[in-house]
Amino acid sequence: MQKKMFKILEQKADCVLLKKDLPLSEAHQVKYFVRDIENDIIYSGYDYNQAERVFNDYDINKVRKERKDVFLEWLNEFAEA
């Protein structure tokens, strides 16, 4: 069986906190990711505490509302009915 690329550290309904062990040849040996259910990488870095903060604060519904607001603002500014 092939070894998986990531280890799940924490998971909730809208995102997951992942750990990736990097090859020893790289300066940092562990990298953390927060990935949401829409397959977007929300955080990618070497700081576990920051990754955990991003994971704990993440809310897909808030993100969707912000994206909708930005889209409607763009539409209002650049498109005509």
PDB file of N, CA and C in Angstrom:
ATOM      1  N   MET A   1       0.844  -1.192   0.000  1.00  0.00           N
ATOM      2  CA  MET A   1       0.000   0.000   0.000  1.00  0.00           C
ATOM      3  C   MET A   1       0.885   1.250   0.000  1.00  0.00           C
ATOM      4  N   GLN A   2       0.514   2.207  -0.834  1.00  0.00           N
ATOM      5  CA  GLN A   2       1.280   3.437  -0.963  1.00  0.00           C
ATOM      6  C   GLN A   2       1.047   4.344   0.246  1.00  0.00           C
ATOM      7  N   LYS A   3       2.118   4.967   0.718  1.00  0.00           N
ATOM      8  CA  LYS A   3       2.009   5.890   1.840  1.00  0.00           C
ATOM      9  C   LYS A   3       1.259   7.148   1.407  1.00  0.00           C
ATOM     10  N   LYS A   4       0.355   7.619   2.235  1.00  0.00           N
ATOM     11  CA  LYS A   4      -0.411   8.834   1.947  1.00  0.00           C
ATOM     12  C   LYS A   4       0.470  10.074   2.113  1.00  0.00           C
ATOM     13  N   MET A   5       0.141  11.124   1.377  1.00  0.00           N
ATOM     14  CA  MET A   5       0.930  12.356   1.417  1.00  0.00           C
ATOM     15  C   MET A   5       0.717  13.155   2.697  1.00  0.00           C
ATOM     16  N   PHE A   6      -0.497  13.094   3.252  1.00  0.00           N
ATOM     17  CA  PHE A   6      -0.859  13.931   4.387  1.00  0.00           C
ATOM     18  C   PHE A   6      -1.363  13.096   5.557  1.00  0.00           C
ATOM     19  N   LYS A   7      -1.225  13.667   6.735  1.00  0.00           N
ATOM     20  CA  LYS A   7      -1.820  13.097   7.938  1.00  0.00           C
ATOM     21  C   LYS A   7      -2.877  14.080   8.431  1.00  0.00           C
ATOM     22  N   ILE A   8      -4.070  13.581   8.729  1.00  0.00           N
ATOM     23  CA  ILE A   8      -5.144  14.433   9.245  1.00  0.00           C
ATOM     24  C   ILE A   8      -4.893  14.671  10.728  1.00  0.00           C
ATOM     25  N   LEU A   9      -4.773  15.946  11.104  1.00  0.00           N
ATOM     26  CA  LEU A   9      -4.592  16.305  12.509  1.00  0.00           C
ATOM     27  C   LEU A   9      -5.920  16.635  13.176  1.00  0.00           C
ATOM     28  N   GLU A  10      -6.765  17.377  12.452  1.00  0.00           N
ATOM     29  CA  GLU A  10      -8.099  17.732  12.947  1.00  0.00           C
ATOM     30  C   GLU A  10      -9.016  17.853  11.746  1.00  0.00           C
ATOM     31  N   GLN A  11     -10.299  17.590  11.998  1.00  0.00           N
ATOM     32  CA  GLN A  11     -11.268  17.686  10.912  1.00  0.00           C
ATOM     33  C   GLN A  11     -12.601  18.156  11.471  1.00  0.00           C
ATOM     34  N   LYS A  12     -13.271  19.015  10.690  1.00  0.00           N
ATOM     35  CA  LYS A  12     -14.643  19.414  11.006  1.00  0.00           C
ATOM     36  C   LYS A  12     -15.438  19.423   9.711  1.00  0.00           C
ATOM     37  N   ALA A  13     -16.677  19.804   9.762  1.00  0.00           N
ATOM     38  CA  ALA A  13     -17.579  19.669   8.613  1.00  0.00           C
ATOM     39  C   ALA A  13     -17.111  20.433   7.377  1.00  0.00           C
ATOM     40  N   ASP A  14     -16.434  21.581   7.565  1.00  0.00           N
ATOM     41  CA  ASP A  14     -16.103  22.406   6.404  1.00  0.00           C
ATOM     42  C   ASP A  14     -14.619  22.474   6.053  1.00  0.00           C
ATOM     43  N   CYS A  15     -13.745  21.904   6.874  1.00  0.00           N
ATOM     44  CA  CYS A  15     -12.320  21.922   6.544  1.00  0.00           C
ATOM     45  C   CYS A  15     -11.542  20.891   7.348  1.00  0.00           C
ATOM     46  N   VAL A  16     -10.284  20.739   6.968  1.00  0.00           N
ATOM     47  CA  VAL A  16      -9.413  19.764   7.605  1.00  0.00           C
ATOM     48  C   VAL A  16      -8.031  20.394   7.802  1.00  0.00           C
ATOM     49  N   LEU A  17      -7.396  20.060   8.927  1.00  0.00           N
ATOM     50  CA  LEU A  17      -6.026  20.491   9.216  1.00  0.00           C
ATOM     51  C   LEU A  17      -5.112  19.303   8.920  1.00  0.00           C
ATOM     52  N   LEU A  18      -4.167  19.526   8.001  1.00  0.00           N
ATOM     53  CA  LEU A  18      -3.299  18.447   7.528  1.00  0.00           C
ATOM     54  C   LEU A  18      -1.840  18.733   7.856  1.00  0.00           C
ATOM     55  N   LYS A  19      -1.085  17.658   7.975  1.00  0.00           N
ATOM     56  CA  LYS A  19       0.363  17.745   8.184  1.00  0.00           C
ATOM     57  C   LYS A  19       1.043  16.960   7.076  1.00  0.00           C
ATOM     58  N   LYS A  20       2.111  17.537   6.535  1.00  0.00           N
ATOM     59  CA  LYS A  20       2.882  16.852   5.497  1.00  0.00           C
ATOM     60  C   LYS A  20       4.346  16.830   5.929  1.00  0.00           C
ATOM     61  N   ASP A  21       4.896  15.655   6.019  1.00  0.00           N
ATOM     62  CA  ASP A  21       6.314  15.516   6.322  1.00  0.00           C
ATOM     63  C   ASP A  21       7.093  15.694   5.028  1.00  0.00           C
ATOM     64  N   LEU A  22       8.033  16.637   5.042  1.00  0.00           N
ATOM     65  CA  LEU A  22       8.831  16.935   3.855  1.00  0.00           C
ATOM     66  C   LEU A  22      10.134  16.145   3.883  1.00  0.00           C
ATOM     67  N   PRO A  23      10.745  15.973   2.738  1.00  0.00           N
ATOM     68  CA  PRO A  23      12.042  15.285   2.694  1.00  0.00           C
ATOM     69  C   PRO A  23      13.068  16.004   3.570  1.00  0.00           C
ATOM     70  N   LEU A  24      13.982  15.253   4.120  1.00  0.00           N
ATOM     71  CA  LEU A  24      14.992  15.827   5.013  1.00  0.00           C
ATOM     72  C   LEU A  24      15.864  16.868   4.335  1.00  0.00           C
ATOM     73  N   SER A  25      15.934  16.845   3.021  1.00  0.00           N
ATOM     74  CA  SER A  25      16.767  17.800   2.295  1.00  0.00           C
ATOM     75  C   SER A  25      16.208  19.222   2.328  1.00  0.00           C
ATOM     76  N   GLU A  26      14.941  19.364   2.701  1.00  0.00           N
ATOM     77  CA  GLU A  26      14.333  20.702   2.763  1.00  0.00           C
ATOM     78  C   GLU A  26      14.584  21.320   4.137  1.00  0.00           C
ATOM     79  N   ALA A  27      14.631  22.650   4.181  1.00  0.00           N
ATOM     80  CA  ALA A  27      14.980  23.357   5.413  1.00  0.00           C
ATOM     81  C   ALA A  27      13.996  23.053   6.546  1.00  0.00           C
ATOM     82  N   HIS A  28      12.722  23.043   6.232  1.00  0.00           N
ATOM     83  CA  HIS A  28      11.700  22.728   7.227  1.00  0.00           C
ATOM     84  C   HIS A  28      11.215  21.307   6.954  1.00  0.00           C
ATOM     85  N   GLN A  29      11.028  20.547   7.988  1.00  0.00           N
ATOM     86  CA  GLN A  29      10.673  19.151   7.795  1.00  0.00           C
ATOM     87  C   GLN A  29       9.177  18.882   7.864  1.00  0.00           C
ATOM     88  N   VAL A  30       8.394  19.843   8.342  1.00  0.00           N
ATOM     89  CA  VAL A  30       6.949  19.646   8.461  1.00  0.00           C
ATOM     90  C   VAL A  30       6.230  20.873   7.909  1.00  0.00           C
ATOM     91  N   LYS A  31       5.201  20.642   7.102  1.00  0.00           N
ATOM     92  CA  LYS A  31       4.388  21.725   6.567  1.00  0.00           C
ATOM     93  C   LYS A  31       2.930  21.425   6.900  1.00  0.00           C
ATOM     94  N   TYR A  32       2.179  22.473   7.202  1.00  0.00           N
ATOM     95  CA  TYR A  32       0.777  22.333   7.587  1.00  0.00           C
ATOM     96  C   TYR A  32      -0.119  22.977   6.540  1.00  0.00           C
ATOM     97  N   PHE A  33      -1.288  22.390   6.354  1.00  0.00           N
ATOM     98  CA  PHE A  33      -2.270  22.883   5.404  1.00  0.00           C
ATOM     99  C   PHE A  33      -3.644  22.875   6.047  1.00  0.00           C
ATOM    100  N   VAL A  34      -4.453  23.855   5.676  1.00  0.00           N
ATOM    101  CA  VAL A  34      -5.882  23.819   5.969  1.00  0.00           C
ATOM    102  C   VAL A  34      -6.570  23.835   4.617  1.00  0.00           C
ATOM    103  N   ARG A  35      -7.384  22.831   4.382  1.00  0.00           N
ATOM    104  CA  ARG A  35      -8.071  22.686   3.094  1.00  0.00           C
ATOM    105  C   ARG A  35      -9.564  22.579   3.372  1.00  0.00           C
ATOM    106  N   ASP A  36     -10.376  23.303   2.569  1.00  0.00           N
ATOM    107  CA  ASP A  36     -11.813  23.278   2.826  1.00  0.00           C
ATOM    108  C   ASP A  36     -12.530  22.292   1.908  1.00  0.00           C
ATOM    109  N   ILE A  37     -13.850  22.158   2.131  1.00  0.00           N
ATOM    110  CA  ILE A  37     -14.635  21.165   1.390  1.00  0.00           C
ATOM    111  C   ILE A  37     -14.839  21.548  -0.066  1.00  0.00           C
ATOM    112  N   GLU A  38     -14.462  22.766  -0.434  1.00  0.00           N
ATOM    113  CA  GLU A  38     -14.521  23.179  -1.834  1.00  0.00           C
ATOM    114  C   GLU A  38     -13.150  23.017  -2.492  1.00  0.00           C
ATOM    115  N   ASN A  39     -12.258  22.329  -1.783  1.00  0.00           N
ATOM    116  CA  ASN A  39     -10.930  21.980  -2.274  1.00  0.00           C
ATOM    117  C   ASN A  39      -9.992  23.178  -2.411  1.00  0.00           C
ATOM    118  N   ASP A  40     -10.263  24.234  -1.660  1.00  0.00           N
ATOM    119  CA  ASP A  40      -9.379  25.399  -1.624  1.00  0.00           C
ATOM    120  C   ASP A  40      -8.398  25.237  -0.473  1.00  0.00           C
ATOM    121  N   ILE A  41      -7.147  25.597  -0.707  1.00  0.00           N
ATOM    122  CA  ILE A  41      -6.165  25.607   0.366  1.00  0.00           C
ATOM    123  C   ILE A  41      -6.275  26.955   1.071  1.00  0.00           C
ATOM    124  N   ILE A  42      -6.651  26.918   2.328  1.00  0.00           N
ATOM    125  CA  ILE A  42      -6.881  28.124   3.120  1.00  0.00           C
ATOM    126  C   ILE A  42      -5.598  28.579   3.804  1.00  0.00           C
ATOM    127  N   TYR A  43      -4.771  27.619   4.160  1.00  0.00           N
ATOM    128  CA  TYR A  43      -3.483  27.927   4.787  1.00  0.00           C
ATOM    129  C   TYR A  43      -2.456  26.912   4.315  1.00  0.00           C
ATOM    130  N   SER A  44      -1.238  27.387   4.091  1.00  0.00           N
ATOM    131  CA  SER A  44      -0.111  26.537   3.747  1.00  0.00           C
ATOM    132  C   SER A  44       1.124  27.171   4.357  1.00  0.00           C
ATOM    133  N   GLY A  45       1.722  26.499   5.325  1.00  0.00           N
ATOM    134  CA  GLY A  45       2.897  27.071   5.959  1.00  0.00           C
ATOM    135  C   GLY A  45       3.511  26.138   6.982  1.00  0.00           C
ATOM    136  N   TYR A  46       4.533  26.645   7.675  1.00  0.00           N
ATOM    137  CA  TYR A  46       5.317  25.834   8.591  1.00  0.00           C
ATOM    138  C   TYR A  46       4.961  26.056  10.054  1.00  0.00           C
ATOM    139  N   ASP A  47       4.042  26.967  10.326  1.00  0.00           N
ATOM    140  CA  ASP A  47       3.690  27.328  11.701  1.00  0.00           C
ATOM    141  C   ASP A  47       2.420  26.586  12.125  1.00  0.00           C
ATOM    142  N   TYR A  48       2.582  25.612  13.014  1.00  0.00           N
ATOM    143  CA  TYR A  48       1.430  24.823  13.462  1.00  0.00           C
ATOM    144  C   TYR A  48       0.396  25.693  14.164  1.00  0.00           C
ATOM    145  N   ASN A  49       0.848  26.606  15.022  1.00  0.00           N
ATOM    146  CA  ASN A  49      -0.091  27.445  15.778  1.00  0.00           C
ATOM    147  C   ASN A  49      -0.947  28.297  14.847  1.00  0.00           C
ATOM    148  N   GLN A  50      -0.330  28.855  13.821  1.00  0.00           N
ATOM    149  CA  GLN A  50      -1.087  29.648  12.843  1.00  0.00           C
ATOM    150  C   GLN A  50      -2.065  28.765  12.076  1.00  0.00           C
ATOM    151  N   ALA A  51      -1.623  27.590  11.673  1.00  0.00           N
ATOM    152  CA  ALA A  51      -2.506  26.661  10.960  1.00  0.00           C
ATOM    153  C   ALA A  51      -3.706  26.291  11.822  1.00  0.00           C
ATOM    154  N   GLU A  52      -3.464  26.046  13.092  1.00  0.00           N
ATOM    155  CA  GLU A  52      -4.553  25.688  14.004  1.00  0.00           C
ATOM    156  C   GLU A  52      -5.525  26.851  14.187  1.00  0.00           C
ATOM    157  N   ARG A  53      -5.007  28.080  14.263  1.00  0.00           N
ATOM    158  CA  ARG A  53      -5.879  29.261  14.378  1.00  0.00           C
ATOM    159  C   ARG A  53      -6.766  29.394  13.143  1.00  0.00           C
ATOM    160  N   VAL A  54      -6.173  29.251  11.966  1.00  0.00           N
ATOM    161  CA  VAL A  54      -6.936  29.340  10.720  1.00  0.00           C
ATOM    162  C   VAL A  54      -8.012  28.258  10.700  1.00  0.00           C
ATOM    163  N   PHE A  55      -7.642  27.054  11.056  1.00  0.00           N
ATOM    164  CA  PHE A  55      -8.585  25.938  11.097  1.00  0.00           C
ATOM    165  C   PHE A  55      -9.750  26.229  12.048  1.00  0.00           C
ATOM    166  N   ASN A  56      -9.434  26.674  13.254  1.00  0.00           N
ATOM    167  CA  ASN A  56     -10.471  26.921  14.264  1.00  0.00           C
ATOM    168  C   ASN A  56     -11.399  28.067  13.882  1.00  0.00           C
ATOM    169  N   ASP A  57     -10.872  29.076  13.191  1.00  0.00           N
ATOM    170  CA  ASP A  57     -11.669  30.252  12.831  1.00  0.00           C
ATOM    171  C   ASP A  57     -12.431  30.096  11.515  1.00  0.00           C
ATOM    172  N   TYR A  58     -12.128  29.066  10.755  1.00  0.00           N
ATOM    173  CA  TYR A  58     -12.700  28.933   9.418  1.00  0.00           C
ATOM    174  C   TYR A  58     -14.188  28.601   9.458  1.00  0.00           C
ATOM    175  N   ASP A  59     -14.950  29.323   8.627  1.00  0.00           N
ATOM    176  CA  ASP A  59     -16.392  29.097   8.506  1.00  0.00           C
ATOM    177  C   ASP A  59     -16.755  29.227   7.029  1.00  0.00           C
ATOM    178  N   ILE A  60     -17.086  28.117   6.388  1.00  0.00           N
ATOM    179  CA  ILE A  60     -17.382  28.104   4.952  1.00  0.00           C
ATOM    180  C   ILE A  60     -18.542  29.028   4.606  1.00  0.00           C
ATOM    181  N   ASN A  61     -19.523  29.147   5.486  1.00  0.00           N
ATOM    182  CA  ASN A  61     -20.670  30.014   5.195  1.00  0.00           C
ATOM    183  C   ASN A  61     -20.269  31.484   5.169  1.00  0.00           C
ATOM    184  N   LYS A  62     -19.353  31.872   6.043  1.00  0.00           N
ATOM    185  CA  LYS A  62     -18.843  33.245   6.038  1.00  0.00           C
ATOM    186  C   LYS A  62     -18.060  33.503   4.747  1.00  0.00           C
ATOM    187  N   VAL A  63     -17.251  32.547   4.343  1.00  0.00           N
ATOM    188  CA  VAL A  63     -16.467  32.681   3.112  1.00  0.00           C
ATOM    189  C   VAL A  63     -17.397  32.800   1.903  1.00  0.00           C
ATOM    190  N   ARG A  64     -18.417  31.968   1.849  1.00  0.00           N
ATOM    191  CA  ARG A  64     -19.369  32.021   0.726  1.00  0.00           C
ATOM    192  C   ARG A  64     -20.079  33.373   0.668  1.00  0.00           C
ATOM    193  N   LYS A  65     -20.462  33.912   1.828  1.00  0.00           N
ATOM    194  CA  LYS A  65     -21.121  35.221   1.856  1.00  0.00           C
ATOM    195  C   LYS A  65     -20.171  36.308   1.353  1.00  0.00           C
ATOM    196  N   GLU A  66     -18.923  36.268   1.797  1.00  0.00           N
ATOM    197  CA  GLU A  66     -17.936  37.252   1.348  1.00  0.00           C
ATOM    198  C   GLU A  66     -17.720  37.156  -0.160  1.00  0.00           C
ATOM    199  N   ARG A  67     -17.625  35.945  -0.678  1.00  0.00           N
ATOM    200  CA  ARG A  67     -17.445  35.760  -2.121  1.00  0.00           C
ATOM    201  C   ARG A  67     -18.645  36.279  -2.902  1.00  0.00           C
ATOM    202  N   LYS A  68     -19.838  36.049  -2.380  1.00  0.00           N
ATOM    203  CA  LYS A  68     -21.048  36.528  -3.043  1.00  0.00           C
ATOM    204  C   LYS A  68     -21.070  38.055  -3.053  1.00  0.00           C
ATOM    205  N   ASP A  69     -20.716  38.670  -1.926  1.00  0.00           N
ATOM    206  CA  ASP A  69     -20.687  40.130  -1.842  1.00  0.00           C
ATOM    207  C   ASP A  69     -19.691  40.721  -2.841  1.00  0.00           C
ATOM    208  N   VAL A  70     -18.509  40.126  -2.934  1.00  0.00           N
ATOM    209  CA  VAL A  70     -17.495  40.599  -3.881  1.00  0.00           C
ATOM    210  C   VAL A  70     -17.996  40.440  -5.314  1.00  0.00           C
ATOM    211  N   PHE A  71     -18.629  39.308  -5.605  1.00  0.00           N
ATOM    212  CA  PHE A  71     -19.169  39.073  -6.938  1.00  0.00           C
ATOM    213  C   PHE A  71     -20.242  40.103  -7.286  1.00  0.00           C
ATOM    214  N   LEU A  72     -21.172  40.357  -6.366  1.00  0.00           N
ATOM    215  CA  LEU A  72     -22.239  41.321  -6.634  1.00  0.00           C
ATOM    216  C   LEU A  72     -21.687  42.730  -6.811  1.00  0.00           C
ATOM    217  N   GLU A  73     -20.668  43.069  -6.040  1.00  0.00           N
ATOM    218  CA  GLU A  73     -20.026  44.379  -6.188  1.00  0.00           C
ATOM    219  C   GLU A  73     -19.374  44.496  -7.577  1.00  0.00           C
ATOM    220  N   TRP A  74     -18.673  43.444  -7.992  1.00  0.00           N
ATOM    221  CA  TRP A  74     -18.048  43.428  -9.314  1.00  0.00           C
ATOM    222  C   TRP A  74     -19.112  43.557 -10.400  1.00  0.00           C
ATOM    223  N   LEU A  75     -20.183  42.786 -10.275  1.00  0.00           N
ATOM    224  CA  LEU A  75     -21.258  42.787 -11.255  1.00  0.00           C
ATOM    225  C   LEU A  75     -21.876  44.181 -11.377  1.00  0.00           C
ATOM    226  N   ASN A  76     -22.108  44.799 -10.239  1.00  0.00           N
ATOM    227  CA  ASN A  76     -22.688  46.147 -10.222  1.00  0.00           C
ATOM    228  C   ASN A  76     -21.768  47.158 -10.886  1.00  0.00           C
ATOM    229  N   GLU A  77     -20.464  47.004 -10.694  1.00  0.00           N
ATOM    230  CA  GLU A  77     -19.521  47.966 -11.241  1.00  0.00           C
ATOM    231  C   GLU A  77     -19.218  47.761 -12.716  1.00  0.00           C
ATOM    232  N   PHE A  78     -19.212  46.528 -13.193  1.00  0.00           N
ATOM    233  CA  PHE A  78     -18.721  46.251 -14.537  1.00  0.00           C
ATOM    234  C   PHE A  78     -19.750  45.679 -15.524  1.00  0.00           C
ATOM    235  N   ALA A  79     -20.939  45.338 -15.060  1.00  0.00           N
ATOM    236  CA  ALA A  79     -21.916  44.721 -15.978  1.00  0.00           C
ATOM    237  C   ALA A  79     -23.209  45.520 -16.010  1.00  0.00           C
ATOM    238  N   GLU A  80     -23.826  45.476 -17.180  1.00  0.00           N
ATOM    239  CA  GLU A  80     -25.064  46.214 -17.384  1.00  0.00           C
ATOM    240  C   GLU A  80     -26.152  45.219 -17.784  1.00  0.00           C
ATOM    241  N   ALA A  81     -27.350  45.412 -17.226  1.00  0.00           N
ATOM    242  CA  ALA A  81     -28.467  44.510 -17.539  1.00  0.00           C
ATOM    243  C   ALA A  81     -29.055  44.825 -18.887  1.00  0.00           C
TER     244      ALA A  81
END
